[in-house]
Amino acid sequence: MTTAPSTPTRSLLTRVLTAIAALMPARRGPAGAAPAAAASASPAQWARLAQAATRFFDARGLAPEHPGAPWPEAGARLLHKGQRRYLVHAAHWQAPRVDAATVQAVIRAVARHQATAGILLCAGDVFTPAARALARENAILLLDPRQLQPPQRAGDGAAAPAAKPAPSASRAGPASTLAAPLTPPPAPAAPRRPVLRPVLRPDHQVRGRRDFMPTVPIAPSELAAPRCAS
């Protein structure tokens, strides 16, 4: 035979059940807010990735076919440079792992859009070795945020490499000798010509020609004639 609970016991049980029911919505509230926060973080991450990719393409002269249209999240985009067209595949930008099957899907999409080459954009370096090999063989560019960073300039705070001291002449090897510019040897001096100077000799050392005869002989009267004083 069962007896009905007394009034104090029933009121205590009612209070416990009411308190439990009041606590359950409060516990479910923060748990349900977590997916909403994760969903809001995804568009912000995509916006940063899309902006970095756009700067990367602009620096290389790749312009979108529709510049005014926004780039939807995980959507494909067609770029052109002259007569060439490039397909940017971003459907797997959040994939934790990109294998050869994903690259094969990009290859089919490039052929379907009649593009020159394809670009696979991801939020991290998640490409497998097989995916890299297949992409290299089929002209598919694999992009991640590390490659989208602009190059640092010398004045942006990057430490310049320290200059290495020049090796001494005694330790210079064949490589340093070949790397140094060769100095042409000085041109040889022109031989100095001897200066011809007249040589004065005494009369007895000068050899005369004994067979020398004047053209017109001197008459004896000319020899005996007295010379006029000047």
Protein backbone atom coordinates (compact mmCIF):
# COMPACT_ATOMS: atom_id res chain seq x y z
CA MET A 1 0.00 0.00 0.00
CA THR A 2 1.52 3.28 -1.13
CA THR A 3 1.02 6.50 0.63
CA ALA A 4 0.95 9.92 -1.00
CA PRO A 5 3.90 12.19 -0.11
CA SER A 6 3.26 14.76 2.49
CA THR A 7 2.82 18.41 1.65
CA PRO A 8 6.29 19.58 2.83
CA THR A 9 7.98 16.82 0.83
CA ARG A 10 5.97 17.66 -2.30
CA SER A 11 6.81 21.35 -2.07
CA LEU A 12 10.51 20.59 -1.69
CA LEU A 13 10.52 18.36 -4.77
CA THR A 14 8.68 21.02 -6.75
CA ARG A 15 11.27 23.61 -5.83
CA VAL A 16 14.16 21.34 -6.91
CA LEU A 17 12.57 20.62 -10.30
CA THR A 18 11.85 24.33 -10.85
CA ALA A 19 15.45 25.26 -10.09
CA ILE A 20 16.76 22.60 -12.49
CA ALA A 21 14.46 23.83 -15.26
CA ALA A 22 15.62 27.40 -14.68
CA LEU A 23 19.28 26.47 -14.92
CA MET A 24 19.06 24.49 -18.18
CA PRO A 25 18.40 27.47 -20.56
CA ALA A 26 21.23 29.41 -18.93
CA ARG A 27 23.64 26.55 -19.65
CA ARG A 28 22.49 26.13 -23.24
CA GLY A 29 22.92 29.81 -24.05
CA PRO A 30 26.75 30.02 -24.08
CA ALA A 31 27.07 26.62 -25.76
CA GLY A 32 24.83 27.72 -28.58
CA ALA A 33 26.74 30.98 -29.03
CA ALA A 34 30.03 29.23 -29.89
CA PRO A 35 29.02 28.13 -33.42
CA ALA A 36 27.84 31.66 -34.15
CA ALA A 37 31.25 33.07 -33.17
CA ALA A 38 33.03 30.50 -35.32
CA ALA A 39 30.79 31.34 -38.25
CA SER A 40 31.56 35.05 -37.88
CA ALA A 41 35.33 34.37 -37.81
CA SER A 42 35.24 32.60 -41.18
CA PRO A 43 34.19 35.66 -43.29
CA ALA A 44 36.86 37.80 -41.61
CA GLN A 45 39.54 35.22 -42.37
CA TRP A 46 38.35 34.95 -45.96
CA ALA A 47 38.37 38.75 -46.34
CA ARG A 48 42.02 38.92 -45.26
CA LEU A 49 42.98 36.07 -47.57
CA ALA A 50 41.10 37.58 -50.53
CA GLN A 51 42.73 40.98 -50.01
CA ALA A 52 46.22 39.48 -49.85
CA ALA A 53 45.55 37.42 -52.98
CA THR A 54 44.20 40.47 -54.82
CA ARG A 55 47.35 42.47 -54.01
CA PHE A 56 49.46 39.50 -55.12
CA PHE A 57 47.66 39.32 -58.48
CA ASP A 58 47.66 43.10 -59.04
CA ALA A 59 51.43 43.26 -58.52
CA ARG A 60 51.86 40.73 -61.34
CA GLY A 61 49.49 42.38 -63.79
CA LEU A 62 46.60 39.89 -63.38
CA ALA A 63 43.25 41.68 -63.51
CA PRO A 64 39.83 40.13 -62.81
CA GLU A 65 37.38 39.89 -65.68
CA HIS A 66 34.77 41.71 -63.57
CA PRO A 67 36.68 44.21 -61.37
CA GLY A 68 33.57 45.68 -59.75
CA ALA A 69 32.13 42.32 -58.67
CA PRO A 70 33.05 41.17 -55.13
CA TRP A 71 34.90 37.92 -54.63
CA PRO A 72 32.48 35.57 -52.88
CA GLU A 73 33.78 33.25 -50.21
CA ALA A 74 35.06 29.94 -51.63
CA GLY A 75 34.17 31.12 -55.12
CA ALA A 76 36.20 30.81 -58.31
CA ARG A 77 37.59 33.87 -60.04
CA LEU A 78 38.86 34.40 -63.57
CA LEU A 79 41.87 36.61 -64.16
CA HIS A 80 43.41 37.72 -67.43
CA LYS A 81 46.74 39.13 -68.58
CA GLY A 82 46.76 39.89 -72.26
CA GLN A 83 45.47 36.84 -74.11
CA ARG A 84 45.96 34.48 -71.17
CA ARG A 85 43.23 33.56 -68.68
CA TYR A 86 43.79 32.11 -65.22
CA LEU A 87 41.26 30.35 -63.01
CA VAL A 88 41.59 30.90 -59.24
CA HIS A 89 40.03 27.96 -57.40
CA ALA A 90 39.13 28.80 -53.78
CA ALA A 91 36.53 26.17 -52.99
CA HIS A 92 39.02 24.31 -50.75
CA TRP A 93 40.53 27.36 -49.05
CA GLN A 94 39.70 25.99 -45.56
CA ALA A 95 40.56 22.36 -46.30
CA PRO A 96 42.85 20.79 -43.67
CA ARG A 97 44.52 18.70 -46.37
CA VAL A 98 44.75 19.08 -50.15
CA ASP A 99 45.71 15.92 -52.03
CA ALA A 100 46.15 14.99 -55.68
CA ALA A 101 42.40 14.43 -56.13
CA THR A 102 41.73 18.10 -55.37
CA VAL A 103 44.39 19.19 -57.86
CA GLN A 104 42.80 16.89 -60.45
CA ALA A 105 39.46 18.64 -59.87
CA VAL A 106 41.15 22.01 -60.45
CA ILE A 107 42.64 20.70 -63.70
CA ARG A 108 39.16 19.72 -64.91
CA ALA A 109 37.80 23.14 -63.93
CA VAL A 110 40.58 24.87 -65.88
CA ALA A 111 39.71 22.84 -68.98
CA ARG A 112 36.02 23.56 -68.52
CA HIS A 113 36.61 27.34 -68.38
CA GLN A 114 39.14 27.15 -71.25
CA ALA A 115 41.75 28.89 -69.11
CA THR A 116 45.49 28.93 -69.71
CA ALA A 117 46.42 27.77 -66.20
CA GLY A 118 44.94 27.34 -62.76
CA ILE A 119 45.62 28.70 -59.27
CA LEU A 120 44.65 26.81 -56.11
CA LEU A 121 44.25 29.17 -53.14
CA CYS A 122 44.31 27.85 -49.56
CA ALA A 123 44.54 29.44 -46.11
CA GLY A 124 47.57 27.32 -45.16
CA ASP A 125 50.31 25.09 -46.47
CA VAL A 126 48.20 21.93 -46.56
CA PHE A 127 49.38 20.49 -49.88
CA THR A 128 50.63 16.91 -49.96
CA PRO A 129 53.76 15.92 -51.93
CA ALA A 130 51.58 14.13 -54.48
CA ALA A 131 49.48 17.27 -54.93
CA ARG A 132 52.58 19.38 -55.45
CA ALA A 133 53.98 16.98 -58.03
CA LEU A 134 50.70 16.84 -59.98
CA ALA A 135 50.32 20.62 -59.87
CA ARG A 136 53.87 21.11 -61.14
CA GLU A 137 53.21 18.82 -64.10
CA ASN A 138 49.96 20.55 -65.10
CA ALA A 139 50.84 24.25 -64.60
CA ILE A 140 48.75 24.66 -61.42
CA LEU A 141 50.01 27.30 -58.99
CA LEU A 142 49.54 26.44 -55.29
CA LEU A 143 49.15 29.57 -53.15
CA ASP A 144 49.11 29.97 -49.38
CA PRO A 145 49.47 33.06 -47.12
CA ARG A 146 53.24 32.67 -46.86
CA GLN A 147 53.63 33.30 -50.60
CA LEU A 148 51.16 36.20 -50.54
CA GLN A 149 53.28 38.29 -48.16
CA PRO A 150 54.89 41.31 -49.89
CA PRO A 151 58.70 41.24 -49.99
CA GLN A 152 60.39 43.24 -47.24
CA ARG A 153 62.44 46.24 -48.27
CA ALA A 154 65.80 47.17 -46.86
CA GLY A 155 64.39 50.20 -45.01
CA ASP A 156 61.41 48.39 -43.43
CA GLY A 157 63.35 47.28 -40.36
CA ALA A 158 64.74 44.10 -41.83
CA ALA A 159 68.26 43.50 -40.63
CA ALA A 160 70.75 43.88 -43.43
CA PRO A 161 73.19 41.00 -43.77
CA ALA A 162 76.53 41.75 -42.18
CA ALA A 163 79.33 42.38 -44.63
CA LYS A 164 81.94 39.65 -44.65
CA PRO A 165 85.55 40.72 -44.23
CA ALA A 166 87.64 40.52 -47.35
CA PRO A 167 90.01 37.54 -47.33
CA SER A 168 93.69 38.35 -47.02
CA ALA A 169 95.97 38.05 -50.01
CA SER A 170 97.89 35.19 -48.41
CA ARG A 171 94.70 33.11 -47.98
CA ALA A 172 93.17 33.89 -51.36
CA GLY A 173 92.42 30.70 -53.23
CA PRO A 174 91.84 30.00 -56.91
CA ALA A 175 88.16 30.96 -56.69
CA SER A 176 88.87 34.39 -55.25
CA THR A 177 91.60 34.91 -57.79
CA LEU A 178 89.23 34.19 -60.65
CA ALA A 179 86.49 36.32 -59.15
CA ALA A 180 88.77 39.39 -58.85
CA PRO A 181 88.94 41.57 -61.97
CA LEU A 182 92.12 41.07 -63.93
CA THR A 183 94.26 44.24 -64.18
CA PRO A 184 95.88 44.55 -67.61
CA PRO A 185 99.69 44.64 -67.42
CA PRO A 186 101.31 47.98 -68.19
CA ALA A 187 102.33 48.51 -71.81
CA PRO A 188 106.08 48.20 -72.43
CA ALA A 189 107.91 51.46 -72.85
CA ALA A 190 108.92 52.40 -76.38
CA PRO A 191 112.66 51.97 -77.07
CA ARG A 192 114.51 55.21 -76.85
CA ARG A 193 116.23 56.24 -80.06
CA PRO A 194 119.86 57.28 -79.77
CA VAL A 195 120.53 60.97 -80.23
CA LEU A 196 122.95 61.60 -83.08
CA ARG A 197 125.44 64.18 -82.05
CA PRO A 198 128.36 65.50 -84.18
CA VAL A 199 131.68 64.00 -83.22
CA LEU A 200 134.64 66.42 -83.31
CA ARG A 201 137.95 64.77 -84.08
CA PRO A 202 141.44 66.14 -84.62
CA ASP A 203 142.53 66.72 -88.20
CA HIS A 204 145.03 63.88 -88.20
CA GLN A 205 142.25 61.44 -87.30
CA VAL A 206 139.99 62.46 -90.14
CA ARG A 207 140.58 60.35 -93.17
CA GLY A 208 140.56 62.27 -96.43
CA ARG A 209 140.20 61.09 -99.97
CA ARG A 210 143.51 61.33 -101.76
CA ASP A 211 141.97 60.99 -105.19
CA PHE A 212 139.92 64.14 -104.76
CA MET A 213 140.57 66.65 -107.49
CA PRO A 214 138.83 69.98 -108.04
CA THR A 215 136.68 70.31 -111.11
CA VAL A 216 138.58 73.34 -112.46
CA PRO A 217 142.30 73.45 -111.69
CA ILE A 218 143.62 76.60 -110.09
CA ALA A 219 145.93 78.61 -112.31
CA PRO A 220 149.38 79.51 -110.97
CA SER A 221 148.60 83.19 -111.52
CA GLU A 222 145.65 82.94 -109.14
CA LEU A 223 147.84 81.47 -106.50
CA ALA A 224 150.51 84.18 -106.90
CA ALA A 225 148.07 87.09 -107.03
CA PRO A 226 147.94 89.01 -103.81
CA ARG A 227 144.68 88.92 -101.90
CA CYS A 228 142.81 92.15 -101.42
CA ALA A 229 142.51 93.27 -97.88
CA SER A 230 138.99 93.37 -96.75
